[in-house]
Amino acid sequence: MKRSACCSCGQLSIAAETDPVKISACHCRACQRRTGSAFGVAVFFNREEVKTSGESTSYIHSGDSGQSIEFHFCPACGSTVFWMPESRKELIAVALGCFTEPSTLVPAQGVYEESRLGRVSLEFD
């Protein structure tokens, strides 16, 4: 199934011809700050199966493990569209909210549950 995602203004986009490898809801403080929300949702694909288009600006964040994560966002509207974790060089993560059809992508796991805000409750199959 073809999946497509883009920033708020449509300038930066990705396309994948396959289903994701995994989908994770992350409750870490860095994702809370990055999204301005209670958590972030990463839709992971094999990097070689994703095509990006448009201009992006990147920000490199040092994760809790000490390894970096390179976030790519649109320089026009500021939306973070995708990121690449150093710890999993074969993967690319795409922000769930950027997808054309986000309701078809369901997180299967939660990570950094110790940082989960008490009022947030997610159920996983």
N, C-alpha and C. Protein backbone atom coordinates (compact mmCIF):
# COMPACT_ATOMS: atom_id res chain seq x y z
N MET A 1 0.84 -1.18 0.00
CA MET A 1 0.00 0.00 0.00
C MET A 1 0.88 1.24 0.00
N LYS A 2 0.57 2.19 -0.83
CA LYS A 2 1.32 3.44 -0.89
C LYS A 2 0.91 4.34 0.26
N ARG A 3 1.91 4.88 0.94
CA ARG A 3 1.68 5.81 2.04
C ARG A 3 2.36 7.13 1.70
N SER A 4 1.69 8.23 1.95
CA SER A 4 2.30 9.53 1.71
C SER A 4 2.04 10.43 2.91
N ALA A 5 3.00 11.32 3.16
CA ALA A 5 2.92 12.25 4.28
C ALA A 5 3.56 13.56 3.85
N CYS A 6 3.12 14.65 4.45
CA CYS A 6 3.72 15.95 4.14
C CYS A 6 3.58 16.89 5.31
N CYS A 7 4.32 17.98 5.23
CA CYS A 7 4.27 19.03 6.24
C CYS A 7 2.97 19.83 6.09
N SER A 8 2.77 20.80 6.95
CA SER A 8 1.54 21.61 6.91
C SER A 8 1.35 22.38 5.61
N CYS A 9 2.45 22.87 5.03
CA CYS A 9 2.31 23.65 3.79
C CYS A 9 2.47 22.80 2.53
N GLY A 10 2.86 21.53 2.69
CA GLY A 10 2.97 20.61 1.55
C GLY A 10 4.30 20.63 0.83
N GLN A 11 5.23 21.46 1.26
CA GLN A 11 6.53 21.61 0.59
C GLN A 11 7.43 20.40 0.81
N LEU A 12 7.43 19.80 2.01
CA LEU A 12 8.27 18.66 2.35
C LEU A 12 7.39 17.42 2.46
N SER A 13 7.74 16.37 1.73
CA SER A 13 6.89 15.18 1.75
C SER A 13 7.72 13.91 1.68
N ILE A 14 7.05 12.81 1.99
CA ILE A 14 7.65 11.48 1.87
C ILE A 14 6.63 10.58 1.18
N ALA A 15 7.13 9.51 0.58
CA ALA A 15 6.26 8.49 -0.01
C ALA A 15 6.90 7.14 0.27
N ALA A 16 6.08 6.18 0.63
CA ALA A 16 6.54 4.81 0.87
C ALA A 16 5.60 3.86 0.14
N GLU A 17 6.16 2.86 -0.48
CA GLU A 17 5.37 1.89 -1.23
C GLU A 17 5.02 0.66 -0.40
N THR A 18 5.48 0.62 0.84
CA THR A 18 5.29 -0.56 1.69
C THR A 18 4.57 -0.19 2.97
N ASP A 19 4.19 -1.21 3.70
CA ASP A 19 3.63 -0.99 5.02
C ASP A 19 4.77 -0.69 6.00
N PRO A 20 4.47 -0.01 7.10
CA PRO A 20 5.51 0.30 8.07
C PRO A 20 6.03 -0.96 8.77
N VAL A 21 7.26 -0.85 9.28
CA VAL A 21 7.88 -1.92 10.05
C VAL A 21 7.27 -1.98 11.44
N LYS A 22 7.06 -0.80 12.04
CA LYS A 22 6.41 -0.71 13.35
C LYS A 22 5.91 0.71 13.56
N ILE A 23 5.00 0.84 14.52
CA ILE A 23 4.44 2.15 14.86
C ILE A 23 4.47 2.25 16.39
N SER A 24 5.11 3.30 16.88
CA SER A 24 5.30 3.47 18.33
C SER A 24 4.80 4.82 18.80
N ALA A 25 4.10 4.81 19.94
CA ALA A 25 3.74 6.05 20.62
C ALA A 25 4.83 6.31 21.65
N CYS A 26 5.49 7.46 21.57
CA CYS A 26 6.61 7.77 22.46
C CYS A 26 6.21 8.86 23.45
N HIS A 27 6.43 8.57 24.72
CA HIS A 27 6.07 9.50 25.79
C HIS A 27 7.27 10.23 26.36
N CYS A 28 8.43 10.15 25.71
CA CYS A 28 9.63 10.81 26.26
C CYS A 28 9.44 12.32 26.26
N ARG A 29 10.18 13.00 27.11
CA ARG A 29 10.06 14.45 27.22
C ARG A 29 10.47 15.14 25.92
N ALA A 30 11.44 14.57 25.21
CA ALA A 30 11.87 15.18 23.94
C ALA A 30 10.73 15.16 22.92
N CYS A 31 9.98 14.07 22.84
CA CYS A 31 8.84 14.02 21.91
C CYS A 31 7.71 14.93 22.37
N GLN A 32 7.51 15.03 23.67
CA GLN A 32 6.50 15.96 24.17
C GLN A 32 6.85 17.39 23.78
N ARG A 33 8.12 17.74 23.91
CA ARG A 33 8.53 19.10 23.52
C ARG A 33 8.45 19.30 22.01
N ARG A 34 8.91 18.29 21.25
CA ARG A 34 8.94 18.40 19.78
C ARG A 34 7.54 18.57 19.22
N THR A 35 6.58 17.84 19.75
CA THR A 35 5.22 17.90 19.21
C THR A 35 4.36 18.96 19.88
N GLY A 36 4.75 19.39 21.08
CA GLY A 36 3.89 20.30 21.83
C GLY A 36 2.66 19.59 22.36
N SER A 37 2.75 18.27 22.48
CA SER A 37 1.62 17.45 22.89
C SER A 37 2.06 16.49 23.99
N ALA A 38 1.20 15.56 24.35
CA ALA A 38 1.49 14.61 25.41
C ALA A 38 2.40 13.47 24.96
N PHE A 39 2.50 13.24 23.66
CA PHE A 39 3.34 12.18 23.12
C PHE A 39 3.52 12.38 21.62
N GLY A 40 4.43 11.64 21.04
CA GLY A 40 4.62 11.64 19.60
C GLY A 40 4.39 10.23 19.08
N VAL A 41 4.01 10.10 17.83
CA VAL A 41 3.85 8.78 17.24
C VAL A 41 4.75 8.68 16.02
N ALA A 42 5.62 7.66 16.04
CA ALA A 42 6.58 7.42 14.97
C ALA A 42 6.13 6.21 14.15
N VAL A 43 6.06 6.40 12.85
CA VAL A 43 5.73 5.33 11.92
C VAL A 43 7.04 4.97 11.21
N PHE A 44 7.58 3.81 11.53
CA PHE A 44 8.90 3.41 11.04
C PHE A 44 8.81 2.60 9.75
N PHE A 45 9.68 2.97 8.80
CA PHE A 45 9.83 2.25 7.53
C PHE A 45 11.30 1.91 7.34
N ASN A 46 11.57 0.92 6.52
CA ASN A 46 12.94 0.70 6.09
C ASN A 46 13.35 1.91 5.26
N ARG A 47 14.48 2.48 5.56
CA ARG A 47 14.90 3.74 4.96
C ARG A 47 14.96 3.68 3.44
N GLU A 48 15.43 2.56 2.89
CA GLU A 48 15.57 2.47 1.43
C GLU A 48 14.22 2.38 0.71
N GLU A 49 13.14 2.19 1.45
CA GLU A 49 11.81 2.09 0.84
C GLU A 49 11.03 3.40 0.89
N VAL A 50 11.68 4.48 1.34
CA VAL A 50 11.01 5.78 1.47
C VAL A 50 11.72 6.80 0.59
N LYS A 51 10.92 7.58 -0.12
CA LYS A 51 11.46 8.68 -0.93
C LYS A 51 11.00 9.99 -0.31
N THR A 52 11.94 10.92 -0.17
CA THR A 52 11.59 12.24 0.35
C THR A 52 11.69 13.24 -0.78
N SER A 53 10.92 14.30 -0.69
CA SER A 53 11.03 15.38 -1.66
C SER A 53 10.77 16.71 -0.96
N GLY A 54 11.39 17.74 -1.47
CA GLY A 54 11.28 19.06 -0.89
C GLY A 54 12.49 19.38 -0.03
N GLU A 55 12.54 20.60 0.40
CA GLU A 55 13.65 21.08 1.21
C GLU A 55 13.35 20.86 2.68
N SER A 56 14.39 20.44 3.42
CA SER A 56 14.21 20.30 4.87
C SER A 56 15.39 20.93 5.59
N THR A 57 15.14 21.30 6.81
CA THR A 57 16.17 21.74 7.73
C THR A 57 16.26 20.65 8.78
N SER A 58 17.46 20.39 9.29
CA SER A 58 17.56 19.32 10.27
C SER A 58 18.06 19.83 11.62
N TYR A 59 17.71 19.07 12.62
CA TYR A 59 18.13 19.32 13.99
C TYR A 59 18.59 17.99 14.54
N ILE A 60 19.79 17.95 15.12
CA ILE A 60 20.31 16.70 15.68
C ILE A 60 20.17 16.76 17.20
N HIS A 61 19.46 15.78 17.71
CA HIS A 61 19.19 15.67 19.15
C HIS A 61 19.93 14.46 19.68
N SER A 62 20.56 14.61 20.83
CA SER A 62 21.21 13.47 21.48
C SER A 62 20.17 12.79 22.37
N GLY A 63 19.86 11.53 22.03
CA GLY A 63 18.85 10.78 22.78
C GLY A 63 19.36 10.31 24.13
N ASP A 64 18.47 9.72 24.91
CA ASP A 64 18.83 9.21 26.23
C ASP A 64 19.94 8.17 26.17
N SER A 65 20.04 7.46 25.05
CA SER A 65 21.07 6.43 24.89
C SER A 65 22.43 7.04 24.59
N GLY A 66 22.46 8.34 24.29
CA GLY A 66 23.70 8.99 23.89
C GLY A 66 23.87 9.01 22.38
N GLN A 67 23.03 8.28 21.67
CA GLN A 67 23.09 8.29 20.21
C GLN A 67 22.17 9.38 19.68
N SER A 68 22.48 9.84 18.47
CA SER A 68 21.75 10.98 17.92
C SER A 68 20.52 10.57 17.12
N ILE A 69 19.64 11.53 16.99
CA ILE A 69 18.45 11.41 16.15
C ILE A 69 18.42 12.68 15.31
N GLU A 70 18.37 12.52 13.99
CA GLU A 70 18.36 13.67 13.09
C GLU A 70 16.93 13.94 12.64
N PHE A 71 16.35 15.03 13.15
CA PHE A 71 14.99 15.41 12.82
C PHE A 71 15.00 16.32 11.60
N HIS A 72 14.07 16.08 10.67
CA HIS A 72 13.94 16.91 9.47
C HIS A 72 12.59 17.60 9.50
N PHE A 73 12.64 18.91 9.36
CA PHE A 73 11.40 19.70 9.39
C PHE A 73 11.40 20.68 8.24
N CYS A 74 10.22 21.15 7.90
CA CYS A 74 10.05 22.09 6.79
C CYS A 74 10.53 23.47 7.22
N PRO A 75 11.42 24.10 6.43
CA PRO A 75 11.89 25.44 6.78
C PRO A 75 10.82 26.51 6.60
N ALA A 76 9.77 26.21 5.86
CA ALA A 76 8.70 27.19 5.65
C ALA A 76 7.66 27.18 6.76
N CYS A 77 7.15 25.98 7.11
CA CYS A 77 6.06 25.91 8.10
C CYS A 77 6.49 25.34 9.45
N GLY A 78 7.67 24.72 9.51
CA GLY A 78 8.20 24.21 10.77
C GLY A 78 7.75 22.82 11.17
N SER A 79 6.92 22.17 10.38
CA SER A 79 6.45 20.82 10.73
C SER A 79 7.57 19.80 10.66
N THR A 80 7.73 19.02 11.74
CA THR A 80 8.66 17.89 11.71
C THR A 80 7.97 16.76 10.95
N VAL A 81 8.58 16.32 9.86
CA VAL A 81 7.98 15.29 9.02
C VAL A 81 8.63 13.93 9.25
N PHE A 82 9.96 13.89 9.33
CA PHE A 82 10.62 12.59 9.52
C PHE A 82 11.90 12.76 10.31
N TRP A 83 12.41 11.62 10.82
CA TRP A 83 13.66 11.61 11.55
C TRP A 83 14.34 10.27 11.40
N MET A 84 15.66 10.30 11.63
CA MET A 84 16.48 9.11 11.44
C MET A 84 17.30 8.86 12.69
N PRO A 85 17.02 7.76 13.39
CA PRO A 85 17.77 7.44 14.60
C PRO A 85 19.12 6.80 14.27
N GLU A 86 20.17 7.28 14.91
CA GLU A 86 21.51 6.71 14.71
C GLU A 86 21.53 5.24 15.13
N SER A 87 20.76 4.90 16.14
CA SER A 87 20.75 3.53 16.66
C SER A 87 20.11 2.53 15.71
N ARG A 88 19.33 3.01 14.76
CA ARG A 88 18.66 2.13 13.79
C ARG A 88 18.83 2.74 12.41
N LYS A 89 20.04 2.72 11.89
CA LYS A 89 20.39 3.38 10.63
C LYS A 89 19.56 2.90 9.44
N GLU A 90 19.00 1.71 9.55
CA GLU A 90 18.22 1.17 8.44
C GLU A 90 16.78 1.69 8.42
N LEU A 91 16.39 2.43 9.47
CA LEU A 91 15.01 2.91 9.58
C LEU A 91 14.89 4.42 9.44
N ILE A 92 13.71 4.84 9.03
CA ILE A 92 13.32 6.24 9.03
C ILE A 92 11.95 6.29 9.70
N ALA A 93 11.77 7.28 10.56
CA ALA A 93 10.50 7.45 11.26
C ALA A 93 9.77 8.64 10.66
N VAL A 94 8.47 8.50 10.50
CA VAL A 94 7.64 9.57 9.94
C VAL A 94 6.56 9.90 10.97
N ALA A 95 6.31 11.18 11.16
CA ALA A 95 5.31 11.62 12.13
C ALA A 95 3.91 11.20 11.67
N LEU A 96 3.19 10.51 12.53
CA LEU A 96 1.86 10.00 12.21
C LEU A 96 0.92 11.08 11.68
N GLY A 97 0.92 12.25 12.30
CA GLY A 97 0.00 13.30 11.91
C GLY A 97 0.24 13.88 10.54
N CYS A 98 1.38 13.60 9.93
CA CYS A 98 1.70 14.11 8.60
C CYS A 98 1.13 13.25 7.47
N PHE A 99 0.65 12.05 7.78
CA PHE A 99 0.15 11.15 6.75
C PHE A 99 -1.19 11.60 6.19
N THR A 100 -1.40 11.31 4.93
CA THR A 100 -2.66 11.60 4.26
C THR A 100 -3.81 10.84 4.93
N GLU A 101 -3.55 9.60 5.31
CA GLU A 101 -4.55 8.74 5.96
C GLU A 101 -4.03 8.27 7.31
N PRO A 102 -3.92 9.13 8.31
CA PRO A 102 -3.34 8.70 9.59
C PRO A 102 -4.20 7.68 10.35
N SER A 103 -5.50 7.66 10.11
CA SER A 103 -6.36 6.74 10.86
C SER A 103 -6.10 5.28 10.52
N THR A 104 -5.43 5.01 9.41
CA THR A 104 -5.13 3.63 9.03
C THR A 104 -3.84 3.12 9.68
N LEU A 105 -3.15 3.99 10.41
CA LEU A 105 -1.88 3.64 11.05
C LEU A 105 -2.07 3.66 12.56
N VAL A 106 -1.99 2.50 13.18
CA VAL A 106 -2.30 2.36 14.60
C VAL A 106 -1.05 1.95 15.38
N PRO A 107 -0.68 2.70 16.42
CA PRO A 107 0.48 2.32 17.22
C PRO A 107 0.29 0.93 17.85
N ALA A 108 1.35 0.16 17.83
CA ALA A 108 1.32 -1.19 18.41
C ALA A 108 2.04 -1.24 19.75
N GLN A 109 2.75 -0.18 20.09
CA GLN A 109 3.49 -0.17 21.34
C GLN A 109 3.68 1.24 21.85
N GLY A 110 3.89 1.34 23.15
CA GLY A 110 4.25 2.60 23.78
C GLY A 110 5.66 2.50 24.32
N VAL A 111 6.42 3.57 24.21
CA VAL A 111 7.77 3.61 24.76
C VAL A 111 7.92 4.82 25.67
N TYR A 112 8.87 4.75 26.57
CA TYR A 112 9.09 5.78 27.59
C TYR A 112 7.83 6.00 28.43
N GLU A 113 7.23 4.90 28.81
CA GLU A 113 6.00 4.96 29.61
C GLU A 113 6.22 5.68 30.94
N GLU A 114 7.46 5.67 31.45
CA GLU A 114 7.74 6.34 32.73
C GLU A 114 7.56 7.85 32.62
N SER A 115 7.56 8.40 31.41
CA SER A 115 7.35 9.83 31.20
C SER A 115 5.91 10.14 30.76
N ARG A 116 5.09 9.09 30.65
CA ARG A 116 3.71 9.28 30.19
C ARG A 116 2.96 10.16 31.18
N LEU A 117 2.24 11.14 30.64
CA LEU A 117 1.43 12.00 31.49
C LEU A 117 0.26 11.18 32.03
N GLY A 118 -0.06 11.36 33.29
CA GLY A 118 -1.09 10.56 33.95
C GLY A 118 -2.45 10.57 33.29
N ARG A 119 -2.78 11.62 32.61
CA ARG A 119 -4.11 11.71 32.00
C ARG A 119 -4.17 11.05 30.62
N VAL A 120 -3.04 10.54 30.14
CA VAL A 120 -2.99 9.92 28.82
C VAL A 120 -3.09 8.42 28.96
N SER A 121 -4.00 7.82 28.22
CA SER A 121 -4.18 6.38 28.24
C SER A 121 -4.35 5.87 26.81
N LEU A 122 -3.45 4.98 26.40
CA LEU A 122 -3.53 4.37 25.08
C LEU A 122 -3.63 2.86 25.22
N GLU A 123 -4.43 2.24 24.38
CA GLU A 123 -4.54 0.78 24.40
C GLU A 123 -3.87 0.22 23.17
N PHE A 124 -3.14 -0.87 23.34
CA PHE A 124 -2.45 -1.53 22.24
C PHE A 124 -2.97 -2.94 22.11
N ASP A 125 -3.05 -3.40 20.85
CA ASP A 125 -3.52 -4.77 20.61
C ASP A 125 -2.51 -5.78 21.09
